[in-house]
């Protein structure tokens, strides 16, 4: 059987188990219609446009 040669420290073990190292920031791109930042391949929340077409009606307050 495989046996570890040395004890793995608590810090090293916890770093490996943590989810913090795996987080990434979401990608953002500019909306072609209004110029606001939006996630790619999604409807713009600011103006409601997707690929140059009005998809949802947005109430601007």
PDB file of N, CA and C in Angstrom:
ATOM      1  N   UNK A   1       0.827  -1.196   0.000  1.00  0.00           N
ATOM      2  CA  UNK A   1       0.000   0.000   0.000  1.00  0.00           C
ATOM      3  C   UNK A   1       0.865   1.250   0.000  1.00  0.00           C
ATOM      4  N   UNK A   2       0.348   2.308  -0.615  1.00  0.00           N
ATOM      5  CA  UNK A   2       1.067   3.572  -0.623  1.00  0.00           C
ATOM      6  C   UNK A   2       0.867   4.283   0.712  1.00  0.00           C
ATOM      7  N   UNK A   3       1.974   4.685   1.297  1.00  0.00           N
ATOM      8  CA  UNK A   3       1.945   5.366   2.589  1.00  0.00           C
ATOM      9  C   UNK A   3       2.694   6.679   2.435  1.00  0.00           C
ATOM     10  N   UNK A   4       2.136   7.808   2.929  1.00  0.00           N
ATOM     11  CA  UNK A   4       2.837   9.082   2.827  1.00  0.00           C
ATOM     12  C   UNK A   4       4.164   9.041   3.583  1.00  0.00           C
ATOM     13  N   UNK A   5       5.203   9.631   2.991  1.00  0.00           N
ATOM     14  CA  UNK A   5       6.513   9.624   3.634  1.00  0.00           C
ATOM     15  C   UNK A   5       6.558  10.614   4.790  1.00  0.00           C
ATOM     16  N   UNK A   6       5.901  11.772   4.621  1.00  0.00           N
ATOM     17  CA  UNK A   6       5.867  12.786   5.677  1.00  0.00           C
ATOM     18  C   UNK A   6       4.428  13.245   5.904  1.00  0.00           C
ATOM     19  N   UNK A   7       4.204  13.753   7.101  1.00  0.00           N
ATOM     20  CA  UNK A   7       2.885  14.259   7.441  1.00  0.00           C
ATOM     21  C   UNK A   7       2.588  15.524   6.640  1.00  0.00           C
ATOM     22  N   UNK A   8       1.398  15.617   6.115  1.00  0.00           N
ATOM     23  CA  UNK A   8       0.961  16.826   5.412  1.00  0.00           C
ATOM     24  C   UNK A   8       0.475  17.812   6.466  1.00  0.00           C
ATOM     25  N   UNK A   9       1.021  19.032   6.440  1.00  0.00           N
ATOM     26  CA  UNK A   9       0.661  20.024   7.446  1.00  0.00           C
ATOM     27  C   UNK A   9      -0.798  20.457   7.276  1.00  0.00           C
ATOM     28  N   UNK A  10      -1.345  20.991   8.340  1.00  0.00           N
ATOM     29  CA  UNK A  10      -2.741  21.437   8.304  1.00  0.00           C
ATOM     30  C   UNK A  10      -2.939  22.559   7.293  1.00  0.00           C
ATOM     31  N   UNK A  11      -1.950  23.445   7.203  1.00  0.00           N
ATOM     32  CA  UNK A  11      -2.053  24.573   6.272  1.00  0.00           C
ATOM     33  C   UNK A  11      -2.079  24.077   4.835  1.00  0.00           C
ATOM     34  N   UNK A  12      -1.194  23.145   4.494  1.00  0.00           N
ATOM     35  CA  UNK A  12      -1.150  22.613   3.131  1.00  0.00           C
ATOM     36  C   UNK A  12      -2.423  21.846   2.800  1.00  0.00           C
ATOM     37  N   UNK A  13      -2.903  21.064   3.769  1.00  0.00           N
ATOM     38  CA  UNK A  13      -4.144  20.313   3.587  1.00  0.00           C
ATOM     39  C   UNK A  13      -5.326  21.255   3.352  1.00  0.00           C
ATOM     40  N   UNK A  14      -5.415  22.304   4.167  1.00  0.00           N
ATOM     41  CA  UNK A  14      -6.536  23.232   4.060  1.00  0.00           C
ATOM     42  C   UNK A  14      -6.477  24.057   2.784  1.00  0.00           C
ATOM     43  N   UNK A  15      -5.275  24.399   2.316  1.00  0.00           N
ATOM     44  CA  UNK A  15      -5.151  25.109   1.043  1.00  0.00           C
ATOM     45  C   UNK A  15      -5.674  24.269  -0.104  1.00  0.00           C
ATOM     46  N   UNK A  16      -5.377  23.000  -0.046  1.00  0.00           N
ATOM     47  CA  UNK A  16      -5.832  22.104  -1.106  1.00  0.00           C
ATOM     48  C   UNK A  16      -7.352  21.951  -1.087  1.00  0.00           C
ATOM     49  N   UNK A  17      -7.926  21.908   0.089  1.00  0.00           N
ATOM     50  CA  UNK A  17      -9.366  21.700   0.219  1.00  0.00           C
ATOM     51  C   UNK A  17     -10.183  22.971  -0.005  1.00  0.00           C
ATOM     52  N   UNK A  18      -9.543  24.126   0.084  1.00  0.00           N
ATOM     53  CA  UNK A  18     -10.288  25.381   0.009  1.00  0.00           C
ATOM     54  C   UNK A  18     -10.804  25.632  -1.403  1.00  0.00           C
ATOM     55  N   UNK A  19     -11.921  26.295  -1.479  1.00  0.00           N
ATOM     56  CA  UNK A  19     -12.513  26.661  -2.767  1.00  0.00           C
ATOM     57  C   UNK A  19     -12.068  28.046  -3.206  1.00  0.00           C
ATOM     58  N   UNK A  20     -11.375  28.788  -2.340  1.00  0.00           N
ATOM     59  CA  UNK A  20     -10.994  30.161  -2.632  1.00  0.00           C
ATOM     60  C   UNK A  20     -10.045  30.224  -3.818  1.00  0.00           C
ATOM     61  N   UNK A  21      -9.150  29.265  -3.924  1.00  0.00           N
ATOM     62  CA  UNK A  21      -8.168  29.292  -5.003  1.00  0.00           C
ATOM     63  C   UNK A  21      -8.793  29.009  -6.358  1.00  0.00           C
ATOM     64  N   UNK A  22     -10.009  28.490  -6.383  1.00  0.00           N
ATOM     65  CA  UNK A  22     -10.652  28.101  -7.633  1.00  0.00           C
ATOM     66  C   UNK A  22     -11.610  29.159  -8.178  1.00  0.00           C
ATOM     67  N   UNK A  23     -11.808  30.255  -7.431  1.00  0.00           N
ATOM     68  CA  UNK A  23     -12.739  31.284  -7.868  1.00  0.00           C
ATOM     69  C   UNK A  23     -12.100  32.181  -8.912  1.00  0.00           C
ATOM     70  N   UNK A  24     -12.880  32.560  -9.918  1.00  0.00           N
ATOM     71  CA  UNK A  24     -12.419  33.489 -10.938  1.00  0.00           C
ATOM     72  C   UNK A  24     -13.462  34.589 -11.103  1.00  0.00           C
ATOM     73  N   UNK A  25     -13.044  35.713 -11.581  1.00  0.00           N
ATOM     74  CA  UNK A  25     -13.958  36.819 -11.827  1.00  0.00           C
ATOM     75  C   UNK A  25     -14.750  36.539 -13.099  1.00  0.00           C
ATOM     76  N   UNK A  26     -16.017  36.966 -13.153  1.00  0.00           N
ATOM     77  CA  UNK A  26     -16.797  36.733 -14.364  1.00  0.00           C
ATOM     78  C   UNK A  26     -16.290  37.590 -15.520  1.00  0.00           C
ATOM     79  N   UNK A  27     -16.406  37.066 -16.722  1.00  0.00           N
ATOM     80  CA  UNK A  27     -16.001  37.807 -17.911  1.00  0.00           C
ATOM     81  C   UNK A  27     -17.022  38.905 -18.191  1.00  0.00           C
ATOM     82  N   UNK A  28     -16.547  40.055 -18.603  1.00  0.00           N
ATOM     83  CA  UNK A  28     -17.427  41.172 -18.929  1.00  0.00           C
ATOM     84  C   UNK A  28     -17.063  41.725 -20.299  1.00  0.00           C
ATOM     85  N   UNK A  29     -18.080  42.177 -21.021  1.00  0.00           N
ATOM     86  CA  UNK A  29     -17.851  42.839 -22.302  1.00  0.00           C
ATOM     87  C   UNK A  29     -18.801  44.033 -22.386  1.00  0.00           C
ATOM     88  N   UNK A  30     -18.525  44.915 -23.323  1.00  0.00           N
ATOM     89  CA  UNK A  30     -19.365  46.103 -23.497  1.00  0.00           C
ATOM     90  C   UNK A  30     -20.595  45.778 -24.336  1.00  0.00           C
ATOM     91  N   UNK A  31     -21.728  46.322 -23.949  1.00  0.00           N
ATOM     92  CA  UNK A  31     -22.955  46.192 -24.732  1.00  0.00           C
ATOM     93  C   UNK A  31     -22.807  47.052 -25.988  1.00  0.00           C
ATOM     94  N   UNK A  32     -23.153  46.496 -27.131  1.00  0.00           N
ATOM     95  CA  UNK A  32     -23.025  47.226 -28.392  1.00  0.00           C
ATOM     96  C   UNK A  32     -24.039  48.366 -28.488  1.00  0.00           C
ATOM     97  N   UNK A  33     -25.145  48.259 -27.766  1.00  0.00           N
ATOM     98  CA  UNK A  33     -26.202  49.266 -27.853  1.00  0.00           C
ATOM     99  C   UNK A  33     -25.969  50.442 -26.897  1.00  0.00           C
ATOM    100  N   UNK A  34     -25.771  50.144 -25.613  1.00  0.00           N
ATOM    101  CA  UNK A  34     -25.682  51.224 -24.618  1.00  0.00           C
ATOM    102  C   UNK A  34     -24.276  51.421 -24.053  1.00  0.00           C
ATOM    103  N   UNK A  35     -23.389  50.454 -24.242  1.00  0.00           N
ATOM    104  CA  UNK A  35     -22.022  50.591 -23.755  1.00  0.00           C
ATOM    105  C   UNK A  35     -21.814  50.163 -22.316  1.00  0.00           C
ATOM    106  N   UNK A  36     -22.849  49.650 -21.675  1.00  0.00           N
ATOM    107  CA  UNK A  36     -22.707  49.184 -20.291  1.00  0.00           C
ATOM    108  C   UNK A  36     -22.007  47.822 -20.284  1.00  0.00           C
ATOM    109  N   UNK A  37     -21.376  47.503 -19.166  1.00  0.00           N
ATOM    110  CA  UNK A  37     -20.736  46.200 -19.053  1.00  0.00           C
ATOM    111  C   UNK A  37     -21.790  45.121 -18.817  1.00  0.00           C
ATOM    112  N   UNK A  38     -21.659  44.002 -19.517  1.00  0.00           N
ATOM    113  CA  UNK A  38     -22.585  42.889 -19.391  1.00  0.00           C
ATOM    114  C   UNK A  38     -21.820  41.595 -19.604  1.00  0.00           C
ATOM    115  N   UNK A  39     -22.367  40.499 -19.088  1.00  0.00           N
ATOM    116  CA  UNK A  39     -21.736  39.205 -19.316  1.00  0.00           C
ATOM    117  C   UNK A  39     -21.989  38.771 -20.751  1.00  0.00           C
ATOM    118  N   UNK A  40     -21.023  38.125 -21.401  1.00  0.00           N
ATOM    119  CA  UNK A  40     -21.195  37.742 -22.797  1.00  0.00           C
ATOM    120  C   UNK A  40     -22.283  36.682 -22.971  1.00  0.00           C
ATOM    121  N   UNK A  41     -22.957  36.721 -24.100  1.00  0.00           N
ATOM    122  CA  UNK A  41     -24.023  35.786 -24.468  1.00  0.00           C
ATOM    123  C   UNK A  41     -25.223  35.879 -23.535  1.00  0.00           C
ATOM    124  N   UNK A  42     -25.465  37.064 -22.984  1.00  0.00           N
ATOM    125  CA  UNK A  42     -26.623  37.298 -22.124  1.00  0.00           C
ATOM    126  C   UNK A  42     -27.274  38.612 -22.535  1.00  0.00           C
ATOM    127  N   UNK A  43     -28.539  38.771 -22.189  1.00  0.00           N
ATOM    128  CA  UNK A  43     -29.249  40.015 -22.452  1.00  0.00           C
ATOM    129  C   UNK A  43     -28.682  41.096 -21.549  1.00  0.00           C
ATOM    130  N   UNK A  44     -28.478  42.295 -22.098  1.00  0.00           N
ATOM    131  CA  UNK A  44     -27.969  43.416 -21.316  1.00  0.00           C
ATOM    132  C   UNK A  44     -29.050  43.843 -20.323  1.00  0.00           C
ATOM    133  N   UNK A  45     -28.683  43.937 -19.045  1.00  0.00           N
ATOM    134  CA  UNK A  45     -29.649  44.321 -18.014  1.00  0.00           C
ATOM    135  C   UNK A  45     -29.977  45.805 -18.067  1.00  0.00           C
ATOM    136  N   UNK A  46     -29.086  46.591 -18.649  1.00  0.00           N
ATOM    137  CA  UNK A  46     -29.297  48.034 -18.681  1.00  0.00           C
ATOM    138  C   UNK A  46     -30.293  48.445 -19.758  1.00  0.00           C
ATOM    139  N   UNK A  47     -30.202  47.829 -20.960  1.00  0.00           N
ATOM    140  CA  UNK A  47     -31.061  48.269 -22.061  1.00  0.00           C
ATOM    141  C   UNK A  47     -31.980  47.179 -22.609  1.00  0.00           C
ATOM    142  N   UNK A  48     -31.717  45.907 -22.313  1.00  0.00           N
ATOM    143  CA  UNK A  48     -32.579  44.826 -22.766  1.00  0.00           C
ATOM    144  C   UNK A  48     -32.279  44.342 -24.176  1.00  0.00           C
ATOM    145  N   UNK A  49     -31.137  44.721 -24.743  1.00  0.00           N
ATOM    146  CA  UNK A  49     -30.784  44.308 -26.092  1.00  0.00           C
ATOM    147  C   UNK A  49     -29.894  43.079 -26.067  1.00  0.00           C
ATOM    148  N   UNK A  50     -30.021  42.230 -27.109  1.00  0.00           N
ATOM    149  CA  UNK A  50     -29.134  41.085 -27.313  1.00  0.00           C
ATOM    150  C   UNK A  50     -28.936  40.919 -28.808  1.00  0.00           C
ATOM    151  N   UNK A  51     -27.689  40.972 -29.241  1.00  0.00           N
ATOM    152  CA  UNK A  51     -27.313  40.856 -30.660  1.00  0.00           C
ATOM    153  C   UNK A  51     -28.047  41.883 -31.513  1.00  0.00           C
ATOM    154  N   UNK A  52     -28.169  43.103 -31.000  1.00  0.00           N
ATOM    155  CA  UNK A  52     -28.764  44.196 -31.763  1.00  0.00           C
ATOM    156  C   UNK A  52     -30.276  44.203 -31.809  1.00  0.00           C
ATOM    157  N   UNK A  53     -30.942  43.329 -31.069  1.00  0.00           N
ATOM    158  CA  UNK A  53     -32.402  43.274 -31.062  1.00  0.00           C
ATOM    159  C   UNK A  53     -32.922  43.505 -29.647  1.00  0.00           C
ATOM    160  N   UNK A  54     -34.051  44.201 -29.558  1.00  0.00           N
ATOM    161  CA  UNK A  54     -34.717  44.426 -28.269  1.00  0.00           C
ATOM    162  C   UNK A  54     -35.374  43.118 -27.848  1.00  0.00           C
ATOM    163  N   UNK A  55     -34.922  42.550 -26.744  1.00  0.00           N
ATOM    164  CA  UNK A  55     -35.424  41.265 -26.285  1.00  0.00           C
ATOM    165  C   UNK A  55     -36.415  41.439 -25.133  1.00  0.00           C
ATOM    166  N   UNK A  56     -36.050  42.307 -24.178  1.00  0.00           N
ATOM    167  CA  UNK A  56     -36.932  42.563 -23.038  1.00  0.00           C
ATOM    168  C   UNK A  56     -37.090  44.072 -22.886  1.00  0.00           C
ATOM    169  N   UNK A  57     -38.242  44.454 -22.377  1.00  0.00           N
ATOM    170  CA  UNK A  57     -38.488  45.885 -22.120  1.00  0.00           C
ATOM    171  C   UNK A  57     -37.943  46.230 -20.742  1.00  0.00           C
ATOM    172  N   UNK A  58     -37.123  47.273 -20.691  1.00  0.00           N
ATOM    173  CA  UNK A  58     -36.500  47.687 -19.439  1.00  0.00           C
ATOM    174  C   UNK A  58     -37.020  49.062 -19.073  1.00  0.00           C
ATOM    175  N   UNK A  59     -37.487  49.206 -17.829  1.00  0.00           N
ATOM    176  CA  UNK A  59     -37.947  50.499 -17.343  1.00  0.00           C
ATOM    177  C   UNK A  59     -36.763  51.259 -16.809  1.00  0.00           C
ATOM    178  N   UNK A  60     -36.421  52.359 -17.437  1.00  0.00           N
ATOM    179  CA  UNK A  60     -35.302  53.205 -16.958  1.00  0.00           C
ATOM    180  C   UNK A  60     -35.838  54.202 -15.954  1.00  0.00           C
ATOM    181  N   UNK A  61     -35.313  54.153 -14.756  1.00  0.00           N
ATOM    182  CA  UNK A  61     -35.797  55.068 -13.706  1.00  0.00           C
ATOM    183  C   UNK A  61     -34.789  56.127 -13.428  1.00  0.00           C
TER     184      UNK A  61
END
